[in-house]
C-alpha atoms as a PDB file:
ATOM      1  CA  MET A   1      -3.143   8.128  14.970  1.00  0.00           C
ATOM      2  CA  ASN A   2      -2.251   5.115  17.102  1.00  0.00           C
ATOM      3  CA  SER A   3      -5.882   4.154  17.593  1.00  0.00           C
ATOM      4  CA  ASN A   4      -6.714   4.542  13.900  1.00  0.00           C
ATOM      5  CA  PRO A   5      -7.583   1.259  12.190  1.00  0.00           C
ATOM      6  CA  ILE A   6      -5.392  -1.070  10.198  1.00  0.00           C
ATOM      7  CA  GLY A   7      -6.872  -1.167   6.707  1.00  0.00           C
ATOM      8  CA  ILE A   8      -6.996  -4.499   4.881  1.00  0.00           C
ATOM      9  CA  PHE A   9      -8.230  -5.144   1.358  1.00  0.00           C
ATOM     10  CA  ASP A  10      -8.544  -8.169  -0.892  1.00  0.00           C
ATOM     11  CA  SER A  11     -10.241  -9.075  -4.143  1.00  0.00           C
ATOM     12  CA  GLY A  12     -12.830 -10.826  -1.991  1.00  0.00           C
ATOM     13  CA  VAL A  13     -13.320 -12.701   1.249  1.00  0.00           C
ATOM     14  CA  GLY A  14     -10.041 -14.645   1.165  1.00  0.00           C
ATOM     15  CA  GLY A  15      -8.029 -11.955   2.915  1.00  0.00           C
ATOM     16  CA  THR A  16     -10.020 -12.649   6.070  1.00  0.00           C
ATOM     17  CA  SER A  17      -7.509 -15.485   6.529  1.00  0.00           C
ATOM     18  CA  ILE A  18      -4.873 -12.746   6.872  1.00  0.00           C
ATOM     19  CA  TRP A  19      -7.143 -10.634   9.089  1.00  0.00           C
ATOM     20  CA  LYS A  20      -7.497 -13.577  11.496  1.00  0.00           C
ATOM     21  CA  GLU A  21      -3.717 -13.831  11.905  1.00  0.00           C
ATOM     22  CA  ILE A  22      -3.365 -10.076  12.437  1.00  0.00           C
ATOM     23  CA  HIS A  23      -6.233 -10.006  14.939  1.00  0.00           C
ATOM     24  CA  ALA A  24      -4.762 -12.968  16.835  1.00  0.00           C
ATOM     25  CA  LEU A  25      -1.362 -11.290  17.125  1.00  0.00           C
ATOM     26  CA  LEU A  26      -2.628  -7.737  17.656  1.00  0.00           C
ATOM     27  CA  PRO A  27      -6.037  -8.057  19.354  1.00  0.00           C
ATOM     28  CA  GLN A  28      -5.936  -4.462  20.621  1.00  0.00           C
ATOM     29  CA  GLU A  29      -5.775  -3.030  17.091  1.00  0.00           C
ATOM     30  CA  ASN A  30      -8.850  -1.638  15.360  1.00  0.00           C
ATOM     31  CA  THR A  31      -9.294  -3.003  11.837  1.00  0.00           C
ATOM     32  CA  LEU A  32     -11.289  -2.219   8.715  1.00  0.00           C
ATOM     33  CA  TYR A  33     -11.590  -4.960   6.093  1.00  0.00           C
ATOM     34  CA  LEU A  34     -12.676  -4.254   2.515  1.00  0.00           C
ATOM     35  CA  ALA A  35     -13.676  -7.135   0.207  1.00  0.00           C
ATOM     36  CA  ASP A  36     -13.938  -6.269  -3.482  1.00  0.00           C
ATOM     37  CA  SER A  37     -15.903  -9.441  -4.204  1.00  0.00           C
ATOM     38  CA  ALA A  38     -17.759  -7.892  -7.140  1.00  0.00           C
ATOM     39  CA  ASN A  39     -14.461  -7.855  -9.044  1.00  0.00           C
ATOM     40  CA  ALA A  40     -13.068 -11.194  -7.854  1.00  0.00           C
ATOM     41  CA  PRO A  41     -10.845 -12.752  -8.954  1.00  0.00           C
ATOM     42  CA  TYR A  42      -8.247 -10.131  -9.865  1.00  0.00           C
ATOM     43  CA  GLY A  43      -5.937 -12.655 -11.528  1.00  0.00           C
ATOM     44  CA  PRO A  44      -7.287 -12.594 -15.108  1.00  0.00           C
ATOM     45  CA  LYS A  45      -7.759  -8.809 -15.268  1.00  0.00           C
ATOM     46  CA  GLY A  46      -4.276  -7.670 -16.278  1.00  0.00           C
ATOM     47  CA  LYS A  47      -1.792  -5.419 -14.492  1.00  0.00           C
ATOM     48  CA  ASP A  48      -3.351  -2.037 -15.333  1.00  0.00           C
ATOM     49  CA  ALA A  49      -6.819  -3.081 -14.163  1.00  0.00           C
ATOM     50  CA  ILE A  50      -5.383  -4.590 -10.971  1.00  0.00           C
ATOM     51  CA  ILE A  51      -3.560  -1.333 -10.205  1.00  0.00           C
ATOM     52  CA  ASP A  52      -6.767   0.655 -10.803  1.00  0.00           C
ATOM     53  CA  LEU A  53      -8.749  -1.592  -8.443  1.00  0.00           C
ATOM     54  CA  SER A  54      -5.991  -1.384  -5.834  1.00  0.00           C
ATOM     55  CA  ILE A  55      -6.050   2.425  -6.045  1.00  0.00           C
ATOM     56  CA  LYS A  56      -9.822   2.425  -5.516  1.00  0.00           C
ATOM     57  CA  ASN A  57      -9.501   0.176  -2.443  1.00  0.00           C
ATOM     58  CA  THR A  58      -6.565   2.123  -1.044  1.00  0.00           C
ATOM     59  CA  GLU A  59      -8.264   5.502  -1.354  1.00  0.00           C
ATOM     60  CA  TYR A  60     -11.375   4.191   0.385  1.00  0.00           C
ATOM     61  CA  LEU A  61      -9.242   3.003   3.320  1.00  0.00           C
ATOM     62  CA  ILE A  62      -7.259   6.250   3.418  1.00  0.00           C
ATOM     63  CA  ASN A  63     -10.531   8.207   3.578  1.00  0.00           C
ATOM     64  CA  LYS A  64     -11.428   6.050   6.596  1.00  0.00           C
ATOM     65  CA  ASN A  65      -8.215   7.260   8.310  1.00  0.00           C
ATOM     66  CA  CYS A  66      -6.406   3.929   8.228  1.00  0.00           C
ATOM     67  CA  LYS A  67      -2.859   4.197   9.560  1.00  0.00           C
ATOM     68  CA  LEU A  68      -1.436   1.274   7.583  1.00  0.00           C
ATOM     69  CA  ILE A  69      -2.768  -0.816   4.697  1.00  0.00           C
ATOM     70  CA  VAL A  70      -2.367  -4.545   4.282  1.00  0.00           C
ATOM     71  CA  VAL A  71      -2.753  -5.665   0.684  1.00  0.00           C
ATOM     72  CA  ALA A  72      -4.170  -9.079   1.619  1.00  0.00           C
ATOM     73  CA  CYS A  73      -4.157 -10.311  -1.961  1.00  0.00           C
ATOM     74  CA  ASN A  74      -1.242 -12.026  -3.678  1.00  0.00           C
ATOM     75  CA  THR A  75      -2.281 -10.782  -7.118  1.00  0.00           C
ATOM     76  CA  ALA A  76      -2.696  -7.161  -5.993  1.00  0.00           C
ATOM     77  CA  THR A  77       0.632  -7.291  -4.154  1.00  0.00           C
ATOM     78  CA  THR A  78       2.614  -8.753  -7.030  1.00  0.00           C
ATOM     79  CA  ASN A  79       1.104  -6.350  -9.565  1.00  0.00           C
ATOM     80  CA  ALA A  80       0.382  -3.141  -7.680  1.00  0.00           C
ATOM     81  CA  ILE A  81       2.249  -2.724  -4.406  1.00  0.00           C
ATOM     82  CA  ASP A  82       5.256  -0.918  -5.889  1.00  0.00           C
ATOM     83  CA  PHE A  83       2.873   1.626  -7.428  1.00  0.00           C
ATOM     84  CA  LEU A  84       0.991   2.061  -4.142  1.00  0.00           C
ATOM     85  CA  ARG A  85       4.163   2.560  -2.126  1.00  0.00           C
ATOM     86  CA  ASN A  86       5.441   5.130  -4.620  1.00  0.00           C
ATOM     87  CA  THR A  87       2.120   7.006  -4.700  1.00  0.00           C
ATOM     88  CA  TYR A  88       0.890   7.148  -1.088  1.00  0.00           C
ATOM     89  CA  GLN A  89       2.760   8.358   1.986  1.00  0.00           C
ATOM     90  CA  MET A  90       1.836   5.552   4.361  1.00  0.00           C
ATOM     91  CA  PRO A  91       3.098   2.051   5.188  1.00  0.00           C
ATOM     92  CA  PHE A  92       1.901  -0.862   3.036  1.00  0.00           C
ATOM     93  CA  ILE A  93       2.244  -4.561   3.862  1.00  0.00           C
ATOM     94  CA  GLY A  94       2.142  -6.940   0.921  1.00  0.00           C
ATOM     95  CA  ILE A  95       1.785 -10.671   0.568  1.00  0.00           C
ATOM     96  CA  GLU A  96       3.346 -13.079  -1.884  1.00  0.00           C
ATOM     97  CA  PRO A  97       3.634 -16.877  -2.049  1.00  0.00           C
ATOM     98  CA  ALA A  98       6.001 -18.332   0.574  1.00  0.00           C
ATOM     99  CA  ILE A  99       8.186 -20.066  -1.979  1.00  0.00           C
ATOM    100  CA  LYS A 100      11.385 -19.323  -0.010  1.00  0.00           C
ATOM    101  CA  PRO A 101      10.730 -21.520   3.079  1.00  0.00           C
ATOM    102  CA  ALA A 102       9.431 -24.354   0.889  1.00  0.00           C
ATOM    103  CA  ALA A 103      12.495 -24.212  -1.346  1.00  0.00           C
ATOM    104  CA  LEU A 104      14.878 -24.162   1.626  1.00  0.00           C
ATOM    105  CA  GLN A 105      13.211 -27.059   3.458  1.00  0.00           C
ATOM    106  CA  THR A 106      12.197 -29.503   0.719  1.00  0.00           C
ATOM    107  CA  GLN A 107      13.754 -32.957   0.936  1.00  0.00           C
ATOM    108  CA  THR A 108      12.378 -34.264  -2.358  1.00  0.00           C
ATOM    109  CA  HIS A 109      13.572 -31.178  -4.268  1.00  0.00           C
ATOM    110  CA  ALA A 110      10.054 -30.695  -5.572  1.00  0.00           C
ATOM    111  CA  VAL A 111       7.450 -28.240  -4.324  1.00  0.00           C
ATOM    112  CA  GLY A 112       4.003 -27.341  -5.587  1.00  0.00           C
ATOM    113  CA  ILE A 113       2.480 -23.898  -5.727  1.00  0.00           C
ATOM    114  CA  LEU A 114      -1.231 -23.300  -6.117  1.00  0.00           C
ATOM    115  CA  ALA A 115      -1.924 -19.674  -7.008  1.00  0.00           C
ATOM    116  CA  THR A 116      -3.947 -17.414  -9.239  1.00  0.00           C
ATOM    117  CA  ARG A 117      -2.894 -16.809 -12.821  1.00  0.00           C
ATOM    118  CA  GLY A 118      -2.183 -13.147 -12.048  1.00  0.00           C
ATOM    119  CA  THR A 119       0.271 -14.072  -9.298  1.00  0.00           C
ATOM    120  CA  LEU A 120       2.141 -16.786 -11.172  1.00  0.00           C
ATOM    121  CA  THR A 121       2.651 -14.596 -14.241  1.00  0.00           C
ATOM    122  CA  SER A 122       3.836 -11.541 -12.290  1.00  0.00           C
ATOM    123  CA  ALA A 123       7.371 -10.186 -12.411  1.00  0.00           C
ATOM    124  CA  LEU A 124       7.641 -10.211  -8.598  1.00  0.00           C
ATOM    125  CA  PHE A 125       6.820 -13.915  -8.348  1.00  0.00           C
ATOM    126  CA  SER A 126       9.250 -14.708 -11.159  1.00  0.00           C
ATOM    127  CA  LYS A 127      12.001 -12.808  -9.353  1.00  0.00           C
ATOM    128  CA  THR A 128      11.345 -14.492  -5.986  1.00  0.00           C
ATOM    129  CA  SER A 129      11.126 -17.945  -7.551  1.00  0.00           C
ATOM    130  CA  GLY A 130      14.357 -17.367  -9.459  1.00  0.00           C
ATOM    131  CA  LEU A 131      16.178 -16.274  -6.309  1.00  0.00           C
ATOM    132  CA  PHE A 132      15.164 -19.169  -4.072  1.00  0.00           C
ATOM    133  CA  ALA A 133      13.902 -22.049  -6.211  1.00  0.00           C
ATOM    134  CA  SER A 134      16.294 -22.234  -9.136  1.00  0.00           C
ATOM    135  CA  ASN A 135      17.748 -25.573  -7.979  1.00  0.00           C
ATOM    136  CA  ILE A 136      14.501 -27.404  -7.300  1.00  0.00           C
ATOM    137  CA  LYS A 137      11.484 -28.480  -9.308  1.00  0.00           C
ATOM    138  CA  VAL A 138       8.526 -26.130  -8.881  1.00  0.00           C
ATOM    139  CA  ILE A 139       5.160 -27.375 -10.122  1.00  0.00           C
ATOM    140  CA  GLU A 140       2.997 -24.316 -10.686  1.00  0.00           C
ATOM    141  CA  GLN A 141      -0.769 -24.660 -10.909  1.00  0.00           C
ATOM    142  CA  HIS A 142      -3.242 -21.922 -11.754  1.00  0.00           C
ATOM    143  CA  GLY A 143      -6.155 -22.254  -9.348  1.00  0.00           C
ATOM    144  CA  ASP A 144      -8.758 -21.308 -11.946  1.00  0.00           C
ATOM    145  CA  GLY A 145     -12.273 -21.467 -10.517  1.00  0.00           C
ATOM    146  CA  ILE A 146     -11.338 -21.803  -6.838  1.00  0.00           C
ATOM    147  CA  VAL A 147     -11.888 -18.163  -5.864  1.00  0.00           C
ATOM    148  CA  GLU A 148     -15.184 -18.079  -7.737  1.00  0.00           C
ATOM    149  CA  LEU A 149     -16.470 -21.133  -5.835  1.00  0.00           C
ATOM    150  CA  ILE A 150     -15.428 -19.703  -2.455  1.00  0.00           C
ATOM    151  CA  GLU A 151     -17.035 -16.345  -3.247  1.00  0.00           C
ATOM    152  CA  ALA A 152     -20.214 -18.225  -4.209  1.00  0.00           C
ATOM    153  CA  GLY A 153     -20.301 -20.016  -0.844  1.00  0.00           C
ATOM    154  CA  LYS A 154     -19.313 -23.389  -2.350  1.00  0.00           C
ATOM    155  CA  LEU A 155     -16.182 -23.981  -0.299  1.00  0.00           C
ATOM    156  CA  PHE A 156     -16.788 -27.653   0.500  1.00  0.00           C
ATOM    157  CA  SER A 157     -18.746 -28.581  -2.621  1.00  0.00           C
ATOM    158  CA  GLU A 158     -18.105 -31.667  -4.749  1.00  0.00           C
ATOM    159  CA  GLU A 159     -17.173 -29.274  -7.539  1.00  0.00           C
ATOM    160  CA  MET A 160     -14.375 -27.872  -5.379  1.00  0.00           C
ATOM    161  CA  ARG A 161     -13.126 -31.324  -4.413  1.00  0.00           C
ATOM    162  CA  SER A 162     -13.028 -32.426  -8.058  1.00  0.00           C
ATOM    163  CA  LEU A 163     -11.149 -29.273  -9.045  1.00  0.00           C
ATOM    164  CA  LEU A 164      -8.534 -29.786  -6.329  1.00  0.00           C
ATOM    165  CA  GLU A 165      -8.019 -33.428  -7.289  1.00  0.00           C
ATOM    166  CA  VAL A 166      -7.183 -32.356 -10.837  1.00  0.00           C
ATOM    167  CA  TYR A 167      -4.867 -29.546  -9.684  1.00  0.00           C
ATOM    168  CA  LEU A 168      -2.987 -31.666  -7.146  1.00  0.00           C
ATOM    169  CA  LYS A 169      -2.365 -34.697  -9.363  1.00  0.00           C
ATOM    170  CA  PRO A 170       0.686 -33.348 -11.291  1.00  0.00           C
ATOM    171  CA  MET A 171       2.186 -32.177  -8.006  1.00  0.00           C
ATOM    172  CA  LEU A 172       1.791 -35.584  -6.382  1.00  0.00           C
ATOM    173  CA  ASP A 173       3.146 -37.258  -9.518  1.00  0.00           C
ATOM    174  CA  ALA A 174       6.246 -35.074  -9.118  1.00  0.00           C
ATOM    175  CA  ASN A 175       6.657 -36.204  -5.471  1.00  0.00           C
ATOM    176  CA  ILE A 176       6.289 -32.798  -3.827  1.00  0.00           C
ATOM    177  CA  ASP A 177       6.758 -32.549  -0.078  1.00  0.00           C
ATOM    178  CA  TYR A 178       5.609 -28.906   0.244  1.00  0.00           C
ATOM    179  CA  LEU A 179       2.521 -27.189  -1.129  1.00  0.00           C
ATOM    180  CA  VAL A 180       2.617 -23.386  -1.139  1.00  0.00           C
ATOM    181  CA  LEU A 181      -0.744 -21.622  -1.101  1.00  0.00           C
ATOM    182  CA  GLY A 182      -0.412 -18.496  -3.229  1.00  0.00           C
ATOM    183  CA  CYS A 183      -3.813 -16.897  -2.682  1.00  0.00           C
ATOM    184  CA  THR A 184      -5.370 -15.680   0.554  1.00  0.00           C
ATOM    185  CA  HIS A 185      -8.591 -17.527  -0.278  1.00  0.00           C
ATOM    186  CA  TYR A 186      -6.774 -20.853  -0.268  1.00  0.00           C
ATOM    187  CA  PRO A 187      -6.148 -21.376   3.490  1.00  0.00           C
ATOM    188  CA  TYR A 188      -9.894 -21.999   3.728  1.00  0.00           C
ATOM    189  CA  LEU A 189      -9.273 -25.107   1.599  1.00  0.00           C
ATOM    190  CA  MET A 190      -7.150 -26.639   4.368  1.00  0.00           C
ATOM    191  CA  PRO A 191      -9.683 -29.308   5.483  1.00  0.00           C
ATOM    192  CA  LEU A 192     -10.066 -30.533   1.899  1.00  0.00           C
ATOM    193  CA  LEU A 193      -6.336 -30.377   1.191  1.00  0.00           C
ATOM    194  CA  LEU A 194      -5.542 -32.418   4.301  1.00  0.00           C
ATOM    195  CA  GLU A 195      -7.925 -35.091   3.037  1.00  0.00           C
ATOM    196  CA  LEU A 196      -6.462 -35.138  -0.470  1.00  0.00           C
ATOM    197  CA  LEU A 197      -2.734 -34.877   0.294  1.00  0.00           C
ATOM    198  CA  PRO A 198      -0.452 -37.567   1.767  1.00  0.00           C
ATOM    199  CA  ASN A 199       0.595 -36.947   5.373  1.00  0.00           C
ATOM    200  CA  HIS A 200       4.193 -36.102   4.440  1.00  0.00           C
ATOM    201  CA  VAL A 201       3.199 -33.083   2.326  1.00  0.00           C
ATOM    202  CA  LYS A 202       3.405 -29.877   4.363  1.00  0.00           C
ATOM    203  CA  ILE A 203       1.230 -26.876   3.504  1.00  0.00           C
ATOM    204  CA  ILE A 204       2.586 -23.331   3.758  1.00  0.00           C
ATOM    205  CA  ASP A 205       0.718 -20.046   3.602  1.00  0.00           C
ATOM    206  CA  SER A 206       1.849 -16.506   4.405  1.00  0.00           C
ATOM    207  CA  GLY A 207      -0.656 -15.466   7.073  1.00  0.00           C
ATOM    208  CA  GLU A 208       1.509 -15.609  10.204  1.00  0.00           C
ATOM    209  CA  ALA A 209       4.442 -13.933   8.451  1.00  0.00           C
ATOM    210  CA  VAL A 210       2.202 -11.075   7.295  1.00  0.00           C
ATOM    211  CA  ALA A 211       0.892 -10.578  10.838  1.00  0.00           C
ATOM    212  CA  ARG A 212       4.450 -10.454  12.239  1.00  0.00           C
ATOM    213  CA  GLN A 213       5.486  -7.956   9.560  1.00  0.00           C
ATOM    214  CA  THR A 214       2.440  -5.820  10.309  1.00  0.00           C
ATOM    215  CA  LYS A 215       3.420  -5.673  13.979  1.00  0.00           C
ATOM    216  CA  ALA A 216       7.043  -4.850  13.096  1.00  0.00           C
ATOM    217  CA  ILE A 217       6.047  -1.972  10.806  1.00  0.00           C
ATOM    218  CA  LEU A 218       3.621  -0.555  13.367  1.00  0.00           C
ATOM    219  CA  GLU A 219       6.412  -0.643  15.958  1.00  0.00           C
ATOM    220  CA  LYS A 220       8.875   0.967  13.547  1.00  0.00           C
ATOM    221  CA  HIS A 221       6.525   3.888  12.873  1.00  0.00           C
ATOM    222  CA  ASP A 222       5.341   4.135  16.503  1.00  0.00           C
ATOM    223  CA  LEU A 223       1.779   3.297  15.439  1.00  0.00           C
ATOM    224  CA  LEU A 224       0.869   0.471  17.823  1.00  0.00           C
ATOM    225  CA  ASN A 225      -2.425   1.047  19.596  1.00  0.00           C
ATOM    226  CA  SER A 226      -1.666   1.442  23.291  1.00  0.00           C
ATOM    227  CA  GLY A 227      -5.323   1.778  24.264  1.00  0.00           C
ATOM    228  CA  PHE A 228      -7.070  -0.777  26.454  1.00  0.00           C
ATOM    229  CA  THR A 229     -10.600  -0.481  25.074  1.00  0.00           C
ATOM    230  CA  LYS A 230     -12.090  -3.374  23.142  1.00  0.00           C
ATOM    231  CA  SER A 231     -10.994  -3.272  19.522  1.00  0.00           C
ATOM    232  CA  LYS A 232     -13.422  -2.314  16.764  1.00  0.00           C
ATOM    233  CA  ASN A 233     -13.401  -4.605  13.719  1.00  0.00           C
ATOM    234  CA  GLU A 234     -15.423  -3.549  10.686  1.00  0.00           C
ATOM    235  CA  PHE A 235     -16.063  -5.646   7.569  1.00  0.00           C
ATOM    236  CA  PHE A 236     -17.412  -4.399   4.244  1.00  0.00           C
ATOM    237  CA  THR A 237     -18.084  -6.220   0.976  1.00  0.00           C
ATOM    238  CA  ASN A 238     -19.669  -5.430  -2.372  1.00  0.00           C
ATOM    239  CA  GLY A 239     -20.616  -9.098  -2.630  1.00  0.00           C
ATOM    240  CA  ASP A 240     -22.845 -11.311  -0.487  1.00  0.00           C
ATOM    241  CA  PRO A 241     -22.215 -10.510   3.215  1.00  0.00           C
ATOM    242  CA  LYS A 242     -23.355 -14.012   4.228  1.00  0.00           C
ATOM    243  CA  VAL A 243     -20.316 -15.606   2.579  1.00  0.00           C
ATOM    244  CA  MET A 244     -17.887 -13.549   4.649  1.00  0.00           C
ATOM    245  CA  GLN A 245     -19.946 -13.983   7.800  1.00  0.00           C
ATOM    246  CA  SER A 246     -19.706 -17.773   7.435  1.00  0.00           C
ATOM    247  CA  LEU A 247     -15.914 -17.608   7.062  1.00  0.00           C
ATOM    248  CA  LEU A 248     -15.745 -15.433  10.191  1.00  0.00           C
ATOM    249  CA  GLY A 249     -17.804 -17.965  12.109  1.00  0.00           C
ATOM    250  CA  GLY A 250     -20.763 -15.609  12.401  1.00  0.00           C
ATOM    251  CA  LYS A 251     -18.952 -13.645  15.104  1.00  0.00           C
ATOM    252  CA  PHE A 252     -18.795 -10.303  13.291  1.00  0.00           C
ATOM    253  CA  LYS A 253     -21.250  -8.140  11.420  1.00  0.00           C
ATOM    254  CA  VAL A 254     -20.525  -7.764   7.704  1.00  0.00           C
ATOM    255  CA  ASP A 255     -22.014  -4.778   5.892  1.00  0.00           C
ATOM    256  CA  TYR A 256     -22.778  -4.498   2.204  1.00  0.00           C
ATOM    257  CA  LEU A 257     -21.068  -1.529   0.583  1.00  0.00           C
ATOM    258  CA  ALA A 258     -21.408  -0.524  -3.059  1.00  0.00           C
ATOM    259  CA  PHE A 259     -17.943   0.663  -4.078  1.00  0.00           C
END
């Protein structure tokens, strides 16, 4: 099983930001990435629908003999990962907004979080925020429309810039010094965010932490790939393959898959 792939799924192409961190840390590992772009974003769909979509993605990856599954979607993690872990006998890695490090490090006692509606309204996010951010001001912003623009290949459009300006204004008015990105699509906004935010505002996402946790769980279960052959990295989407190919720098083939 050690050479079996790591399975990764997201509600679209955003989880490739997580894949990049995993591939950088574990270049010998085979990977299989599944983008459910036809159903993006998951946020507005409600908990039951998100669980159903997560089951569909998980069972596809299990049928492809994946040894571990990374739920590279904040909304799917916060709504469905407990169900997945209780249903399937394999390791799952989840992802949720990195509110803890922002809350512990803020000097202005104000942090912003940009996330999908499904993440911000979840019980898991509420619990994490209550544990670590009860003594600071947290400005939450639903990133409505961002995922749709990225999935449509409009990452650096004027429409995206205008949307971000509106979403960031209440955070800047509150004097935040940390911005937490609560969706795996959002790290691709980094060039725009660096233009729009003052230099003192630090941006945090969960990618590196997820990669480290993936390595730790593989080690714990003795699943690290010890082979020395070049890794195989497969990408599938039920959306437009060109969008994912552009985010991957054109270095990998992306196949269309109706699922």
